[in-house]
Amino acid sequence: KYEPIVFVNNPISNSKDDVIGFDSQIDTLL
């Protein structure tokens, strides 16, 4: 009944790969 989930825990290292939308957090930190 369950399909396996593959979770690759690699950090995003390029803004082009950011599908989450960290831009606003980056602006806040800067």
PDB file of all heavy atoms in Angstrom:
ATOM      1  N   LYS A   1       0.821  -1.209   0.000  1.00  0.00           N
ATOM      2  CA  LYS A   1       0.000   0.000   0.000  1.00  0.00           C
ATOM      3  C   LYS A   1       0.857   1.262   0.000  1.00  0.00           C
ATOM      4  O   LYS A   1       0.401   2.327  -0.380  1.00  0.00           O
ATOM      5  CB  LYS A   1      -0.938   0.028   1.204  1.00  0.00           C
ATOM      6  CG  LYS A   1      -2.014  -1.027   1.147  1.00  0.00           C
ATOM      7  CD  LYS A   1      -2.889  -0.950   2.377  1.00  0.00           C
ATOM      8  CE  LYS A   1      -3.912  -2.075   2.384  1.00  0.00           C
ATOM      9  NZ  LYS A   1      -4.720  -2.041   3.601  1.00  0.00           N
ATOM     10  N   TYR A   2       2.072   1.170   0.444  1.00  0.00           N
ATOM     11  CA  TYR A   2       2.946   2.331   0.581  1.00  0.00           C
ATOM     12  C   TYR A   2       4.043   2.305  -0.463  1.00  0.00           C
ATOM     13  O   TYR A   2       4.673   1.291  -0.692  1.00  0.00           O
ATOM     14  CB  TYR A   2       3.582   2.368   1.977  1.00  0.00           C
ATOM     15  CG  TYR A   2       2.564   2.457   3.081  1.00  0.00           C
ATOM     16  CD1 TYR A   2       2.209   1.338   3.815  1.00  0.00           C
ATOM     17  CD2 TYR A   2       1.951   3.664   3.373  1.00  0.00           C
ATOM     18  CE1 TYR A   2       1.266   1.418   4.816  1.00  0.00           C
ATOM     19  CE2 TYR A   2       1.017   3.751   4.367  1.00  0.00           C
ATOM     20  CZ  TYR A   2       0.672   2.628   5.090  1.00  0.00           C
ATOM     21  OH  TYR A   2      -0.262   2.703   6.076  1.00  0.00           O
ATOM     22  N   GLU A   3       4.256   3.449  -1.085  1.00  0.00           N
ATOM     23  CA  GLU A   3       5.359   3.574  -2.018  1.00  0.00           C
ATOM     24  C   GLU A   3       6.535   4.204  -1.288  1.00  0.00           C
ATOM     25  O   GLU A   3       6.349   5.125  -0.489  1.00  0.00           O
ATOM     26  CB  GLU A   3       4.959   4.446  -3.204  1.00  0.00           C
ATOM     27  CG  GLU A   3       3.930   3.781  -4.081  1.00  0.00           C
ATOM     28  CD  GLU A   3       3.738   4.525  -5.388  1.00  0.00           C
ATOM     29  OE1 GLU A   3       4.707   5.144  -5.864  1.00  0.00           O
ATOM     30  OE2 GLU A   3       2.624   4.464  -5.896  1.00  0.00           O
ATOM     31  N   PRO A   4       7.725   3.711  -1.539  1.00  0.00           N
ATOM     32  CA  PRO A   4       8.893   4.275  -0.845  1.00  0.00           C
ATOM     33  C   PRO A   4       9.136   5.723  -1.274  1.00  0.00           C
ATOM     34  O   PRO A   4       8.866   6.090  -2.410  1.00  0.00           O
ATOM     35  CB  PRO A   4      10.047   3.370  -1.281  1.00  0.00           C
ATOM     36  CG  PRO A   4       9.575   2.744  -2.542  1.00  0.00           C
ATOM     37  CD  PRO A   4       8.082   2.669  -2.462  1.00  0.00           C
ATOM     38  N   ILE A   5       9.608   6.501  -0.340  1.00  0.00           N
ATOM     39  CA  ILE A   5       9.955   7.892  -0.608  1.00  0.00           C
ATOM     40  C   ILE A   5      11.471   8.002  -0.560  1.00  0.00           C
ATOM     41  O   ILE A   5      12.105   7.571   0.396  1.00  0.00           O
ATOM     42  CB  ILE A   5       9.330   8.833   0.452  1.00  0.00           C
ATOM     43  CG1 ILE A   5       7.818   8.753   0.391  1.00  0.00           C
ATOM     44  CG2 ILE A   5       9.818  10.255   0.260  1.00  0.00           C
ATOM     45  CD1 ILE A   5       7.130   9.497   1.508  1.00  0.00           C
ATOM     46  N   VAL A   6      12.038   8.561  -1.597  1.00  0.00           N
ATOM     47  CA  VAL A   6      13.479   8.770  -1.628  1.00  0.00           C
ATOM     48  C   VAL A   6      13.733  10.209  -1.205  1.00  0.00           C
ATOM     49  O   VAL A   6      13.227  11.143  -1.813  1.00  0.00           O
ATOM     50  CB  VAL A   6      14.050   8.503  -3.036  1.00  0.00           C
ATOM     51  CG1 VAL A   6      15.539   8.792  -3.070  1.00  0.00           C
ATOM     52  CG2 VAL A   6      13.753   7.078  -3.462  1.00  0.00           C
ATOM     53  N   PHE A   7      14.493  10.376  -0.146  1.00  0.00           N
ATOM     54  CA  PHE A   7      14.796  11.700   0.380  1.00  0.00           C
ATOM     55  C   PHE A   7      16.293  11.912   0.299  1.00  0.00           C
ATOM     56  O   PHE A   7      17.059  11.245   0.973  1.00  0.00           O
ATOM     57  CB  PHE A   7      14.307  11.815   1.827  1.00  0.00           C
ATOM     58  CG  PHE A   7      14.600  13.138   2.455  1.00  0.00           C
ATOM     59  CD1 PHE A   7      13.906  14.272   2.063  1.00  0.00           C
ATOM     60  CD2 PHE A   7      15.562  13.256   3.427  1.00  0.00           C
ATOM     61  CE1 PHE A   7      14.168  15.500   2.638  1.00  0.00           C
ATOM     62  CE2 PHE A   7      15.828  14.488   4.012  1.00  0.00           C
ATOM     63  CZ  PHE A   7      15.127  15.603   3.613  1.00  0.00           C
ATOM     64  N   VAL A   8      16.702  12.809  -0.565  1.00  0.00           N
ATOM     65  CA  VAL A   8      18.115  13.140  -0.698  1.00  0.00           C
ATOM     66  C   VAL A   8      18.325  14.457   0.040  1.00  0.00           C
ATOM     67  O   VAL A   8      17.773  15.478  -0.316  1.00  0.00           O
ATOM     68  CB  VAL A   8      18.518  13.285  -2.181  1.00  0.00           C
ATOM     69  CG1 VAL A   8      19.990  13.648  -2.302  1.00  0.00           C
ATOM     70  CG2 VAL A   8      18.208  12.003  -2.928  1.00  0.00           C
ATOM     71  N   ASN A   9      19.113  14.403   1.072  1.00  0.00           N
ATOM     72  CA  ASN A   9      19.304  15.578   1.915  1.00  0.00           C
ATOM     73  C   ASN A   9      20.565  16.335   1.497  1.00  0.00           C
ATOM     74  O   ASN A   9      21.571  16.318   2.177  1.00  0.00           O
ATOM     75  CB  ASN A   9      19.381  15.163   3.379  1.00  0.00           C
ATOM     76  CG  ASN A   9      19.338  16.353   4.295  1.00  0.00           C
ATOM     77  OD1 ASN A   9      18.891  17.418   3.900  1.00  0.00           O
ATOM     78  ND2 ASN A   9      19.804  16.188   5.510  1.00  0.00           N
ATOM     79  N   ASN A  10      20.490  16.981   0.348  1.00  0.00           N
ATOM     80  CA  ASN A  10      21.585  17.820  -0.121  1.00  0.00           C
ATOM     81  C   ASN A  10      21.125  19.267  -0.108  1.00  0.00           C
ATOM     82  O   ASN A  10      20.068  19.574  -0.649  1.00  0.00           O
ATOM     83  CB  ASN A  10      21.990  17.445  -1.550  1.00  0.00           C
ATOM     84  CG  ASN A  10      22.611  16.073  -1.633  1.00  0.00           C
ATOM     85  OD1 ASN A  10      23.281  15.637  -0.713  1.00  0.00           O
ATOM     86  ND2 ASN A  10      22.364  15.380  -2.728  1.00  0.00           N
ATOM     87  N   PRO A  11      21.913  20.143   0.498  1.00  0.00           N
ATOM     88  CA  PRO A  11      21.525  21.553   0.530  1.00  0.00           C
ATOM     89  C   PRO A  11      21.475  22.174  -0.860  1.00  0.00           C
ATOM     90  O   PRO A  11      22.216  21.767  -1.755  1.00  0.00           O
ATOM     91  CB  PRO A  11      22.634  22.218   1.357  1.00  0.00           C
ATOM     92  CG  PRO A  11      23.369  21.122   2.016  1.00  0.00           C
ATOM     93  CD  PRO A  11      23.148  19.890   1.215  1.00  0.00           C
ATOM     94  N   ILE A  12      20.613  23.139  -1.022  1.00  0.00           N
ATOM     95  CA  ILE A  12      20.559  23.922  -2.254  1.00  0.00           C
ATOM     96  C   ILE A  12      21.783  24.833  -2.231  1.00  0.00           C
ATOM     97  O   ILE A  12      22.000  25.556  -1.268  1.00  0.00           O
ATOM     98  CB  ILE A  12      19.280  24.771  -2.306  1.00  0.00           C
ATOM     99  CG1 ILE A  12      18.039  23.885  -2.236  1.00  0.00           C
ATOM    100  CG2 ILE A  12      19.260  25.643  -3.542  1.00  0.00           C
ATOM    101  CD1 ILE A  12      16.762  24.660  -1.953  1.00  0.00           C
ATOM    102  N   SER A  13      22.563  24.806  -3.283  1.00  0.00           N
ATOM    103  CA  SER A  13      23.759  25.646  -3.287  1.00  0.00           C
ATOM    104  C   SER A  13      23.733  26.696  -4.392  1.00  0.00           C
ATOM    105  O   SER A  13      24.673  27.456  -4.530  1.00  0.00           O
ATOM    106  CB  SER A  13      25.012  24.778  -3.426  1.00  0.00           C
ATOM    107  OG  SER A  13      24.946  24.019  -4.611  1.00  0.00           O
ATOM    108  N   ASN A  14      22.643  26.728  -5.144  1.00  0.00           N
ATOM    109  CA  ASN A  14      22.534  27.671  -6.243  1.00  0.00           C
ATOM    110  C   ASN A  14      21.117  28.243  -6.246  1.00  0.00           C
ATOM    111  O   ASN A  14      20.146  27.487  -6.179  1.00  0.00           O
ATOM    112  CB  ASN A  14      22.828  26.944  -7.557  1.00  0.00           C
ATOM    113  CG  ASN A  14      22.906  27.866  -8.732  1.00  0.00           C
ATOM    114  OD1 ASN A  14      22.145  28.823  -8.843  1.00  0.00           O
ATOM    115  ND2 ASN A  14      23.819  27.582  -9.628  1.00  0.00           N
ATOM    116  N   SER A  15      21.001  29.540  -6.337  1.00  0.00           N
ATOM    117  CA  SER A  15      19.682  30.175  -6.290  1.00  0.00           C
ATOM    118  C   SER A  15      18.775  29.712  -7.425  1.00  0.00           C
ATOM    119  O   SER A  15      17.552  29.742  -7.302  1.00  0.00           O
ATOM    120  CB  SER A  15      19.811  31.698  -6.299  1.00  0.00           C
ATOM    121  OG  SER A  15      20.489  32.127  -7.457  1.00  0.00           O
ATOM    122  N   LYS A  16      19.351  29.244  -8.517  1.00  0.00           N
ATOM    123  CA  LYS A  16      18.551  28.721  -9.631  1.00  0.00           C
ATOM    124  C   LYS A  16      17.809  27.441  -9.241  1.00  0.00           C
ATOM    125  O   LYS A  16      16.785  27.115  -9.819  1.00  0.00           O
ATOM    126  CB  LYS A  16      19.437  28.451 -10.842  1.00  0.00           C
ATOM    127  CG  LYS A  16      20.051  29.690 -11.434  1.00  0.00           C
ATOM    128  CD  LYS A  16      21.009  29.347 -12.553  1.00  0.00           C
ATOM    129  CE  LYS A  16      21.732  30.593 -13.013  1.00  0.00           C
ATOM    130  NZ  LYS A  16      22.788  30.299 -13.978  1.00  0.00           N
ATOM    131  N   ASP A  17      18.332  26.719  -8.250  1.00  0.00           N
ATOM    132  CA  ASP A  17      17.723  25.474  -7.796  1.00  0.00           C
ATOM    133  C   ASP A  17      16.739  25.680  -6.649  1.00  0.00           C
ATOM    134  O   ASP A  17      16.164  24.714  -6.152  1.00  0.00           O
ATOM    135  CB  ASP A  17      18.809  24.490  -7.347  1.00  0.00           C
ATOM    136  CG  ASP A  17      19.754  24.116  -8.469  1.00  0.00           C
ATOM    137  OD1 ASP A  17      19.310  24.101  -9.632  1.00  0.00           O
ATOM    138  OD2 ASP A  17      20.934  23.842  -8.184  1.00  0.00           O
ATOM    139  N   ASP A  18      16.556  26.913  -6.228  1.00  0.00           N
ATOM    140  CA  ASP A  18      15.682  27.212  -5.084  1.00  0.00           C
ATOM    141  C   ASP A  18      14.214  27.204  -5.502  1.00  0.00           C
ATOM    142  O   ASP A  18      13.699  28.190  -6.000  1.00  0.00           O
ATOM    143  CB  ASP A  18      16.054  28.563  -4.477  1.00  0.00           C
ATOM    144  CG  ASP A  18      15.181  28.946  -3.294  1.00  0.00           C
ATOM    145  OD1 ASP A  18      14.524  28.063  -2.726  1.00  0.00           O
ATOM    146  OD2 ASP A  18      15.160  30.143  -2.952  1.00  0.00           O
ATOM    147  N   VAL A  19      13.557  26.079  -5.276  1.00  0.00           N
ATOM    148  CA  VAL A  19      12.127  25.984  -5.586  1.00  0.00           C
ATOM    149  C   VAL A  19      11.283  26.269  -4.342  1.00  0.00           C
ATOM    150  O   VAL A  19      10.065  26.377  -4.422  1.00  0.00           O
ATOM    151  CB  VAL A  19      11.757  24.596  -6.162  1.00  0.00           C
ATOM    152  CG1 VAL A  19      12.445  24.372  -7.494  1.00  0.00           C
ATOM    153  CG2 VAL A  19      12.095  23.489  -5.186  1.00  0.00           C
ATOM    154  N   ILE A  20      11.947  26.398  -3.203  1.00  0.00           N
ATOM    155  CA  ILE A  20      11.239  26.656  -1.945  1.00  0.00           C
ATOM    156  C   ILE A  20      10.912  28.134  -1.800  1.00  0.00           C
ATOM    157  O   ILE A  20       9.865  28.495  -1.291  1.00  0.00           O
ATOM    158  CB  ILE A  20      12.080  26.152  -0.745  1.00  0.00           C
ATOM    159  CG1 ILE A  20      12.246  24.635  -0.863  1.00  0.00           C
ATOM    160  CG2 ILE A  20      11.449  26.536   0.573  1.00  0.00           C
ATOM    161  CD1 ILE A  20      13.206  24.039   0.108  1.00  0.00           C
ATOM    162  N   GLY A  21      11.808  28.983  -2.250  1.00  0.00           N
ATOM    163  CA  GLY A  21      11.598  30.420  -2.143  1.00  0.00           C
ATOM    164  C   GLY A  21      12.267  31.034  -0.939  1.00  0.00           C
ATOM    165  O   GLY A  21      11.648  31.728  -0.140  1.00  0.00           O
ATOM    166  N   PHE A  22      13.563  30.788  -0.800  1.00  0.00           N
ATOM    167  CA  PHE A  22      14.325  31.345   0.314  1.00  0.00           C
ATOM    168  C   PHE A  22      14.686  32.816   0.103  1.00  0.00           C
ATOM    169  O   PHE A  22      15.312  33.424   0.965  1.00  0.00           O
ATOM    170  CB  PHE A  22      15.623  30.549   0.521  1.00  0.00           C
ATOM    171  CG  PHE A  22      15.439  29.254   1.252  1.00  0.00           C
ATOM    172  CD1 PHE A  22      15.772  28.063   0.650  1.00  0.00           C
ATOM    173  CD2 PHE A  22      14.965  29.222   2.544  1.00  0.00           C
ATOM    174  CE1 PHE A  22      15.636  26.861   1.309  1.00  0.00           C
ATOM    175  CE2 PHE A  22      14.814  28.034   3.222  1.00  0.00           C
ATOM    176  CZ  PHE A  22      15.150  26.849   2.606  1.00  0.00           C
ATOM    177  N   ASP A  23      14.312  33.390  -1.025  1.00  0.00           N
ATOM    178  CA  ASP A  23      14.722  34.761  -1.357  1.00  0.00           C
ATOM    179  C   ASP A  23      14.420  35.768  -0.258  1.00  0.00           C
ATOM    180  O   ASP A  23      15.272  36.592   0.086  1.00  0.00           O
ATOM    181  CB  ASP A  23      14.044  35.231  -2.640  1.00  0.00           C
ATOM    182  CG  ASP A  23      14.529  34.490  -3.866  1.00  0.00           C
ATOM    183  OD1 ASP A  23      15.564  33.817  -3.785  1.00  0.00           O
ATOM    184  OD2 ASP A  23      13.868  34.591  -4.909  1.00  0.00           O
ATOM    185  N   SER A  24      13.224  35.725   0.297  1.00  0.00           N
ATOM    186  CA  SER A  24      12.869  36.723   1.313  1.00  0.00           C
ATOM    187  C   SER A  24      13.682  36.541   2.589  1.00  0.00           C
ATOM    188  O   SER A  24      14.060  37.518   3.232  1.00  0.00           O
ATOM    189  CB  SER A  24      11.371  36.669   1.625  1.00  0.00           C
ATOM    190  OG  SER A  24      11.021  35.426   2.196  1.00  0.00           O
ATOM    191  N   GLN A  25      13.987  35.288   2.928  1.00  0.00           N
ATOM    192  CA  GLN A  25      14.829  35.057   4.109  1.00  0.00           C
ATOM    193  C   GLN A  25      16.251  35.535   3.862  1.00  0.00           C
ATOM    194  O   GLN A  25      16.880  36.089   4.759  1.00  0.00           O
ATOM    195  CB  GLN A  25      14.827  33.562   4.491  1.00  0.00           C
ATOM    196  CG  GLN A  25      13.541  33.089   5.107  1.00  0.00           C
ATOM    197  CD  GLN A  25      12.515  32.665   4.071  1.00  0.00           C
ATOM    198  OE1 GLN A  25      12.795  32.625   2.882  1.00  0.00           O
ATOM    199  NE2 GLN A  25      11.323  32.339   4.512  1.00  0.00           N
ATOM    200  N   ILE A  26      16.735  35.345   2.639  1.00  0.00           N
ATOM    201  CA  ILE A  26      18.079  35.815   2.291  1.00  0.00           C
ATOM    202  C   ILE A  26      18.131  37.337   2.395  1.00  0.00           C
ATOM    203  O   ILE A  26      19.070  37.904   2.962  1.00  0.00           O
ATOM    204  CB  ILE A  26      18.480  35.346   0.870  1.00  0.00           C
ATOM    205  CG1 ILE A  26      18.535  33.822   0.781  1.00  0.00           C
ATOM    206  CG2 ILE A  26      19.794  35.981   0.433  1.00  0.00           C
ATOM    207  CD1 ILE A  26      19.545  33.168   1.672  1.00  0.00           C
ATOM    208  N   ASP A  27      17.100  38.001   1.874  1.00  0.00           N
ATOM    209  CA  ASP A  27      17.046  39.471   1.951  1.00  0.00           C
ATOM    210  C   ASP A  27      17.041  39.941   3.398  1.00  0.00           C
ATOM    211  O   ASP A  27      17.712  40.921   3.746  1.00  0.00           O
ATOM    212  CB  ASP A  27      15.807  40.000   1.224  1.00  0.00           C
ATOM    213  CG  ASP A  27      15.878  39.799  -0.283  1.00  0.00           C
ATOM    214  OD1 ASP A  27      16.992  39.569  -0.802  1.00  0.00           O
ATOM    215  OD2 ASP A  27      14.816  39.854  -0.929  1.00  0.00           O
ATOM    216  N   THR A  28      16.294  39.248   4.250  1.00  0.00           N
ATOM    217  CA  THR A  28      16.230  39.610   5.666  1.00  0.00           C
ATOM    218  C   THR A  28      17.588  39.446   6.333  1.00  0.00           C
ATOM    219  O   THR A  28      18.034  40.324   7.087  1.00  0.00           O
ATOM    220  CB  THR A  28      15.175  38.749   6.395  1.00  0.00           C
ATOM    221  OG1 THR A  28      13.909  38.960   5.785  1.00  0.00           O
ATOM    222  CG2 THR A  28      15.101  39.086   7.868  1.00  0.00           C
ATOM    223  N   LEU A  29      18.262  38.346   6.041  1.00  0.00           N
ATOM    224  CA  LEU A  29      19.585  38.114   6.626  1.00  0.00           C
ATOM    225  C   LEU A  29      20.608  39.132   6.127  1.00  0.00           C
ATOM    226  O   LEU A  29      21.422  39.634   6.906  1.00  0.00           O
ATOM    227  CB  LEU A  29      20.056  36.689   6.322  1.00  0.00           C
ATOM    228  CG  LEU A  29      19.309  35.582   7.054  1.00  0.00           C
ATOM    229  CD1 LEU A  29      19.691  34.224   6.491  1.00  0.00           C
ATOM    230  CD2 LEU A  29      19.585  35.645   8.547  1.00  0.00           C
ATOM    231  N   LEU A  30      20.567  39.440   4.827  1.00  0.00           N
ATOM    232  CA  LEU A  30      21.486  40.444   4.282  1.00  0.00           C
ATOM    233  C   LEU A  30      21.242  41.815   4.912  1.00  0.00           C
ATOM    234  O   LEU A  30      22.192  42.549   5.196  1.00  0.00           O
ATOM    235  CB  LEU A  30      21.360  40.524   2.760  1.00  0.00           C
ATOM    236  CG  LEU A  30      21.938  39.351   1.980  1.00  0.00           C
ATOM    237  CD1 LEU A  30      21.557  39.432   0.509  1.00  0.00           C
ATOM    238  CD2 LEU A  30      23.452  39.288   2.144  1.00  0.00           C
TER     239      LEU A  30
END
